[in-house]
Protein backbone atom coordinates (compact mmCIF):
# COMPACT_ATOMS: atom_id res chain seq x y z
CA UNK A 1 6.03 45.76 77.13
CA UNK A 2 7.63 48.72 75.36
CA UNK A 3 5.67 50.97 73.02
CA UNK A 4 7.18 53.31 70.43
CA UNK A 5 5.44 56.37 68.99
CA UNK A 6 6.66 57.23 65.50
CA UNK A 7 5.98 60.52 63.75
CA UNK A 8 5.84 60.39 59.92
CA UNK A 9 6.46 56.60 59.93
CA UNK A 10 7.52 54.59 56.91
CA UNK A 11 4.44 53.84 54.71
CA UNK A 12 5.69 50.23 54.59
CA UNK A 13 4.51 49.91 58.21
CA UNK A 14 0.98 50.80 57.15
CA UNK A 15 1.11 48.27 54.33
CA UNK A 16 2.20 45.58 56.78
CA UNK A 17 -0.61 46.39 59.22
CA UNK A 18 -3.15 46.53 56.40
CA UNK A 19 -2.09 43.07 55.21
CA UNK A 20 -2.36 41.65 58.74
CA UNK A 21 -5.89 43.05 59.16
CA UNK A 22 -6.89 41.60 55.78
CA UNK A 23 -5.81 38.16 56.98
CA UNK A 24 -7.89 38.57 60.15
CA UNK A 25 -10.93 39.84 58.24
CA UNK A 26 -10.78 37.04 55.69
CA UNK A 27 -10.61 34.43 58.44
CA UNK A 28 -13.53 36.01 60.32
CA UNK A 29 -15.80 36.34 57.30
CA UNK A 30 -14.70 33.47 55.11
CA UNK A 31 -14.37 36.04 52.32
CA UNK A 32 -11.01 36.26 50.61
CA UNK A 33 -11.68 38.59 47.70
CA UNK A 34 -9.31 41.59 47.56
CA UNK A 35 -10.27 45.24 47.47
CA UNK A 36 -10.93 46.46 43.92
CA UNK A 37 -10.06 49.96 42.77
CA UNK A 38 -12.08 52.15 40.42
CA UNK A 39 -11.14 55.25 38.41
CA UNK A 40 -13.39 57.21 36.06
CA UNK A 41 -11.34 59.82 34.21
CA UNK A 42 -12.48 63.16 32.82
CA UNK A 43 -10.19 64.50 30.09
CA UNK A 44 -10.09 67.75 28.16
CA UNK A 45 -9.98 68.01 24.36
CA UNK A 46 -6.21 67.44 24.40
CA UNK A 47 -6.53 64.28 26.48
CA UNK A 48 -5.21 65.77 29.74
CA UNK A 49 -6.88 64.73 33.00
CA UNK A 50 -9.08 67.52 34.37
CA UNK A 51 -11.21 65.65 36.88
CA UNK A 52 -12.96 62.40 37.60
CA UNK A 53 -13.87 59.91 40.30
CA UNK A 54 -11.69 57.60 42.38
CA UNK A 55 -13.13 54.75 44.47
CA UNK A 56 -12.58 51.32 45.96
CA UNK A 57 -14.91 48.39 46.64
CA UNK A 58 -14.54 45.96 49.52
CA UNK A 59 -16.96 43.56 51.21
CA UNK A 60 -20.00 44.43 49.08
CA UNK A 61 -19.72 48.23 49.31
CA UNK A 62 -18.16 50.83 47.02
CA UNK A 63 -16.48 53.83 48.64
CA UNK A 64 -16.27 56.97 46.49
CA UNK A 65 -13.00 58.39 47.79
CA UNK A 66 -12.75 61.45 45.55
CA UNK A 67 -14.94 63.23 43.00
CA UNK A 68 -14.12 66.45 41.16
CA UNK A 69 -15.64 68.20 38.15
CA UNK A 70 -13.82 71.28 36.80
CA UNK A 71 -15.71 74.57 36.90
CA UNK A 72 -16.12 74.74 33.12
CA UNK A 73 -18.04 71.45 33.09
CA UNK A 74 -20.35 72.05 36.02
CA UNK A 75 -24.07 72.54 35.56
CA UNK A 76 -24.08 70.01 32.72
CA UNK A 77 -24.89 66.88 34.69
CA UNK A 78 -21.32 65.61 34.57
CA UNK A 79 -21.07 65.03 38.33
CA UNK A 80 -24.31 63.06 38.36
CA UNK A 81 -23.11 61.07 35.34
CA UNK A 82 -19.91 60.14 37.19
CA UNK A 83 -21.79 59.07 40.30
CA UNK A 84 -24.31 57.01 38.35
CA UNK A 85 -21.45 55.37 36.46
CA UNK A 86 -19.84 54.50 39.79
CA UNK A 87 -23.14 53.04 40.96
CA UNK A 88 -23.41 50.99 37.79
CA UNK A 89 -19.93 49.64 38.44
CA UNK A 90 -20.96 48.87 42.04
CA UNK A 91 -23.92 46.88 40.71
CA UNK A 92 -21.67 45.02 38.30
CA UNK A 93 -19.40 44.09 41.20
CA UNK A 94 -22.34 42.86 43.26
CA UNK A 95 -22.11 45.67 45.81
CA UNK A 96 -24.83 46.27 48.37
CA UNK A 97 -24.37 50.04 48.41
CA UNK A 98 -22.19 53.08 47.84
CA UNK A 99 -20.84 55.39 50.53
CA UNK A 100 -18.72 58.54 50.82
CA UNK A 101 -18.03 61.55 53.02
CA UNK A 102 -17.86 65.29 52.44
CA UNK A 103 -17.33 68.51 54.36
CA UNK A 104 -18.83 70.76 51.68
CA UNK A 105 -22.46 71.90 52.17
CA UNK A 106 -22.80 72.25 48.39
CA UNK A 107 -21.54 68.70 47.84
CA UNK A 108 -23.87 67.45 50.57
CA UNK A 109 -26.84 68.90 48.66
CA UNK A 110 -25.59 67.36 45.43
CA UNK A 111 -25.35 63.87 46.94
CA UNK A 112 -28.72 64.13 48.64
CA UNK A 113 -30.36 65.14 45.36
CA UNK A 114 -28.97 61.89 43.96
CA UNK A 115 -30.66 59.93 46.74
CA UNK A 116 -27.80 59.64 49.25
CA UNK A 117 -28.69 59.88 52.94
CA UNK A 118 -26.55 61.01 55.88
CA UNK A 119 -25.80 58.09 58.20
CA UNK A 120 -23.16 59.72 60.42
CA UNK A 121 -21.72 63.15 61.19
CA UNK A 122 -18.58 64.53 62.83
CA UNK A 123 -18.97 68.06 64.14
CA UNK A 124 -16.02 70.46 64.26
CA UNK A 125 -14.24 68.76 61.36
CA UNK A 126 -12.53 71.22 61.35
CA UNK A 127 -13.79 73.47 64.11
CA UNK A 128 -16.96 75.24 63.07
CA UNK A 129 -17.63 72.81 60.23
CA UNK A 130 -19.13 69.34 59.80
CA UNK A 131 -18.08 66.13 58.06
CA UNK A 132 -21.07 64.20 56.68
CA UNK A 133 -21.07 60.51 55.78
CA UNK A 134 -23.57 59.55 53.07
CA UNK A 135 -24.80 56.21 51.74
CA UNK A 136 -26.94 54.92 48.90
CA UNK A 137 -28.45 51.53 49.76
CA UNK A 138 -29.79 50.84 46.28
CA UNK A 139 -27.18 51.65 43.63
CA UNK A 140 -28.58 52.08 40.13
CA UNK A 141 -27.46 50.18 37.06
CA UNK A 142 -26.96 53.22 34.83
CA UNK A 143 -25.34 53.84 31.46
CA UNK A 144 -21.55 54.10 31.41
CA UNK A 145 -21.20 54.61 27.66
CA UNK A 146 -18.63 57.22 26.68
CA UNK A 147 -16.86 57.24 30.04
CA UNK A 148 -13.31 56.08 30.60
CA UNK A 149 -13.67 53.50 33.39
CA UNK A 150 -10.49 51.96 34.74
CA UNK A 151 -10.55 48.99 37.13
CA UNK A 152 -7.45 50.25 38.93
CA UNK A 153 -6.28 53.34 40.76
CA UNK A 154 -4.92 55.63 38.06
CA UNK A 155 -2.16 57.74 39.68
CA UNK A 156 -2.59 60.62 37.23
CA UNK A 157 -6.32 60.95 37.91
CA UNK A 158 -5.83 60.55 41.68
CA UNK A 159 -3.14 63.25 41.65
CA UNK A 160 -5.23 65.79 39.70
CA UNK A 161 -8.47 65.12 41.59
CA UNK A 162 -6.73 65.04 44.96
CA UNK A 163 -4.99 68.37 44.34
CA UNK A 164 -8.25 69.97 43.17
CA UNK A 165 -10.16 68.75 46.23
CA UNK A 166 -7.40 69.99 48.53
CA UNK A 167 -7.73 73.44 46.98
CA UNK A 168 -11.52 73.34 47.46
CA UNK A 169 -11.13 72.30 51.10
CA UNK A 170 -8.56 75.02 51.74
CA UNK A 171 -10.99 77.59 50.35
CA UNK A 172 -13.75 76.29 52.64
CA UNK A 173 -11.80 75.72 55.84
CA UNK A 174 -8.51 77.55 55.45
CA UNK A 175 -5.19 76.00 54.52
CA UNK A 176 -4.60 72.74 56.36
CA UNK A 177 -1.55 72.74 58.60
CA UNK A 178 -0.18 69.98 60.78
CA UNK A 179 -1.54 66.96 58.95
CA UNK A 180 0.54 64.02 60.09
CA UNK A 181 0.62 60.24 60.06
CA UNK A 182 1.81 58.52 63.25
CA UNK A 183 2.22 54.94 64.44
CA UNK A 184 2.33 53.21 67.82
CA UNK A 185 4.41 50.05 67.60
CA UNK A 186 4.64 47.44 70.38
CA UNK A 187 7.67 45.19 70.64
CA UNK A 188 5.39 42.13 70.36
CA UNK A 189 4.34 43.02 66.81
CA UNK A 190 1.27 44.53 65.23
CA UNK A 191 0.69 48.23 65.65
CA UNK A 192 -1.62 51.23 65.38
CA UNK A 193 -1.56 53.63 62.42
CA UNK A 194 -3.29 57.00 62.81
CA UNK A 195 -3.66 60.26 60.90
CA UNK A 196 -4.21 63.71 62.43
CA UNK A 197 -6.01 66.22 60.24
CA UNK A 198 -8.64 68.94 60.38
CA UNK A 199 -8.78 68.91 64.23
CA UNK A 200 -9.49 65.15 64.53
CA UNK A 201 -7.36 62.04 64.85
CA UNK A 202 -8.40 59.08 62.69
CA UNK A 203 -7.44 55.59 63.89
CA UNK A 204 -6.81 54.06 60.51
CA UNK A 205 -5.43 50.60 61.39
CA UNK A 206 -5.09 48.79 64.73
CA UNK A 207 -3.94 45.19 64.99
CA UNK A 208 -2.28 42.99 67.59
CA UNK A 209 -1.12 39.38 67.23
CA UNK A 210 -3.29 36.89 69.13
CA UNK A 211 -0.59 36.20 71.73
CA UNK A 212 -0.39 39.91 72.66
CA UNK A 213 -4.12 40.40 73.33
CA UNK A 214 -5.94 40.56 76.68
CA UNK A 215 -2.90 41.88 78.49
CA UNK A 216 -3.86 45.54 78.53
CA UNK A 217 -1.56 46.31 75.62
CA UNK A 218 -4.36 47.48 73.32
CA UNK A 219 -5.62 49.88 75.99
CA UNK A 220 -2.14 51.32 76.45
CA UNK A 221 -1.76 51.81 72.70
CA UNK A 222 -5.13 53.53 72.48
CA UNK A 223 -4.23 55.78 75.41
CA UNK A 224 -0.99 56.73 73.66
CA UNK A 225 -2.91 57.60 70.50
CA UNK A 226 -5.36 59.74 72.46
CA UNK A 227 -2.49 61.50 74.22
CA UNK A 228 -0.96 62.29 70.83
CA UNK A 229 -4.32 63.69 69.68
CA UNK A 230 -4.65 65.88 72.77
CA UNK A 231 -1.08 67.13 72.37
CA UNK A 232 -1.99 68.31 68.88
CA UNK A 233 -5.15 70.08 70.11
CA UNK A 234 -7.52 67.65 68.39
CA UNK A 235 -11.25 67.73 69.12
CA UNK A 236 -11.33 63.95 69.43
CA UNK A 237 -10.65 60.59 67.82
CA UNK A 238 -12.76 58.68 65.31
CA UNK A 239 -12.54 55.28 63.64
CA UNK A 240 -14.54 52.53 62.00
CA UNK A 241 -14.69 48.83 62.83
CA UNK A 242 -16.60 45.79 61.65
CA UNK A 243 -19.10 43.91 63.77
CA UNK A 244 -16.71 40.97 64.05
CA UNK A 245 -13.86 43.22 65.20
CA UNK A 246 -13.42 45.49 68.22
CA UNK A 247 -16.54 47.59 68.81
CA UNK A 248 -16.92 46.51 72.50
CA UNK A 249 -13.26 47.34 73.16
CA UNK A 250 -13.69 50.91 71.92
CA UNK A 251 -16.98 51.40 73.76
CA UNK A 252 -15.30 50.40 77.02
CA UNK A 253 -12.89 53.26 76.40
CA UNK A 254 -15.57 55.89 75.92
CA UNK A 255 -16.21 55.72 72.18
CA UNK A 256 -19.78 55.85 70.93
CA UNK A 257 -21.35 54.71 67.67
CA UNK A 258 -22.19 57.66 65.41
CA UNK A 259 -23.42 55.59 62.47
CA UNK A 260 -23.35 52.19 60.77
CA UNK A 261 -23.65 50.56 57.36
CA UNK A 262 -25.57 47.27 57.08
CA UNK A 263 -24.40 44.02 55.48
CA UNK A 264 -20.76 45.08 55.39
CA UNK A 265 -20.44 42.18 54.67
CA UNK A 266 -23.64 40.33 55.58
CA UNK A 267 -24.57 39.56 58.31
CA UNK A 268 -22.24 42.10 59.94
CA UNK A 269 -22.32 45.88 60.12
CA UNK A 270 -19.53 48.42 59.73
CA UNK A 271 -19.65 50.79 62.71
CA UNK A 272 -18.33 54.34 62.87
CA UNK A 273 -17.33 55.51 66.35
CA UNK A 274 -16.02 58.73 67.86
CA UNK A 275 -14.77 60.05 71.17
CA UNK A 276 -14.68 63.79 71.88
CA UNK A 277 -12.32 65.10 74.51
């Protein structure tokens, strides 16, 4: 059973794996609703994007993927307004909660003042720093008047906010070098998509067709991913998985649960696991 490790693989491979996992998840949960994007744009007086919030909801939770407020508009409650607007949208979509992660101590304090609690941490992300995962289990139905809320991922907002957050992270941690996407592809189909960054390897997607399971193939693929992480000098590997997916498989290979989110979707949990080398 041949395995191929690809560096900088075609993004179409990730899209294929993502679609296959969606089919599995929908069958396991009986839930077929798609992920729903969210963009809240901040514009200057001329209408140019200067910040905002980007998120996505799936299985009763809203993930805030990116949030940025330009320096000139800080200290005016704009960040809190964006978060409360996102929570209001989460309520409108019937979400159970809102979650996010950050490596900034200042951002951590901001989220905790809004009522978000840490449910998981990754130390040395990157070395000498910490990545915190936060959740709000009771999103508030706030006022969204005056905000530009888009029920899609707006590329212009994502580009501006993403670039701004990269600059903030580079100031905090130093310029990131060596970020890379990789894939392990078995000849039987399926595959594993992973991303190395900030001294950790993230197992983003991992799927095998039913006929290729229970033959040791998954273990070989995971070992190949871990070898790639070690070769890059990574601290370890982290991932998340649903309660109806592969938590026991990862625990047999030395991964431990570092946190979980409830009812994701009910009655299952979404588990976050990590393995340090």
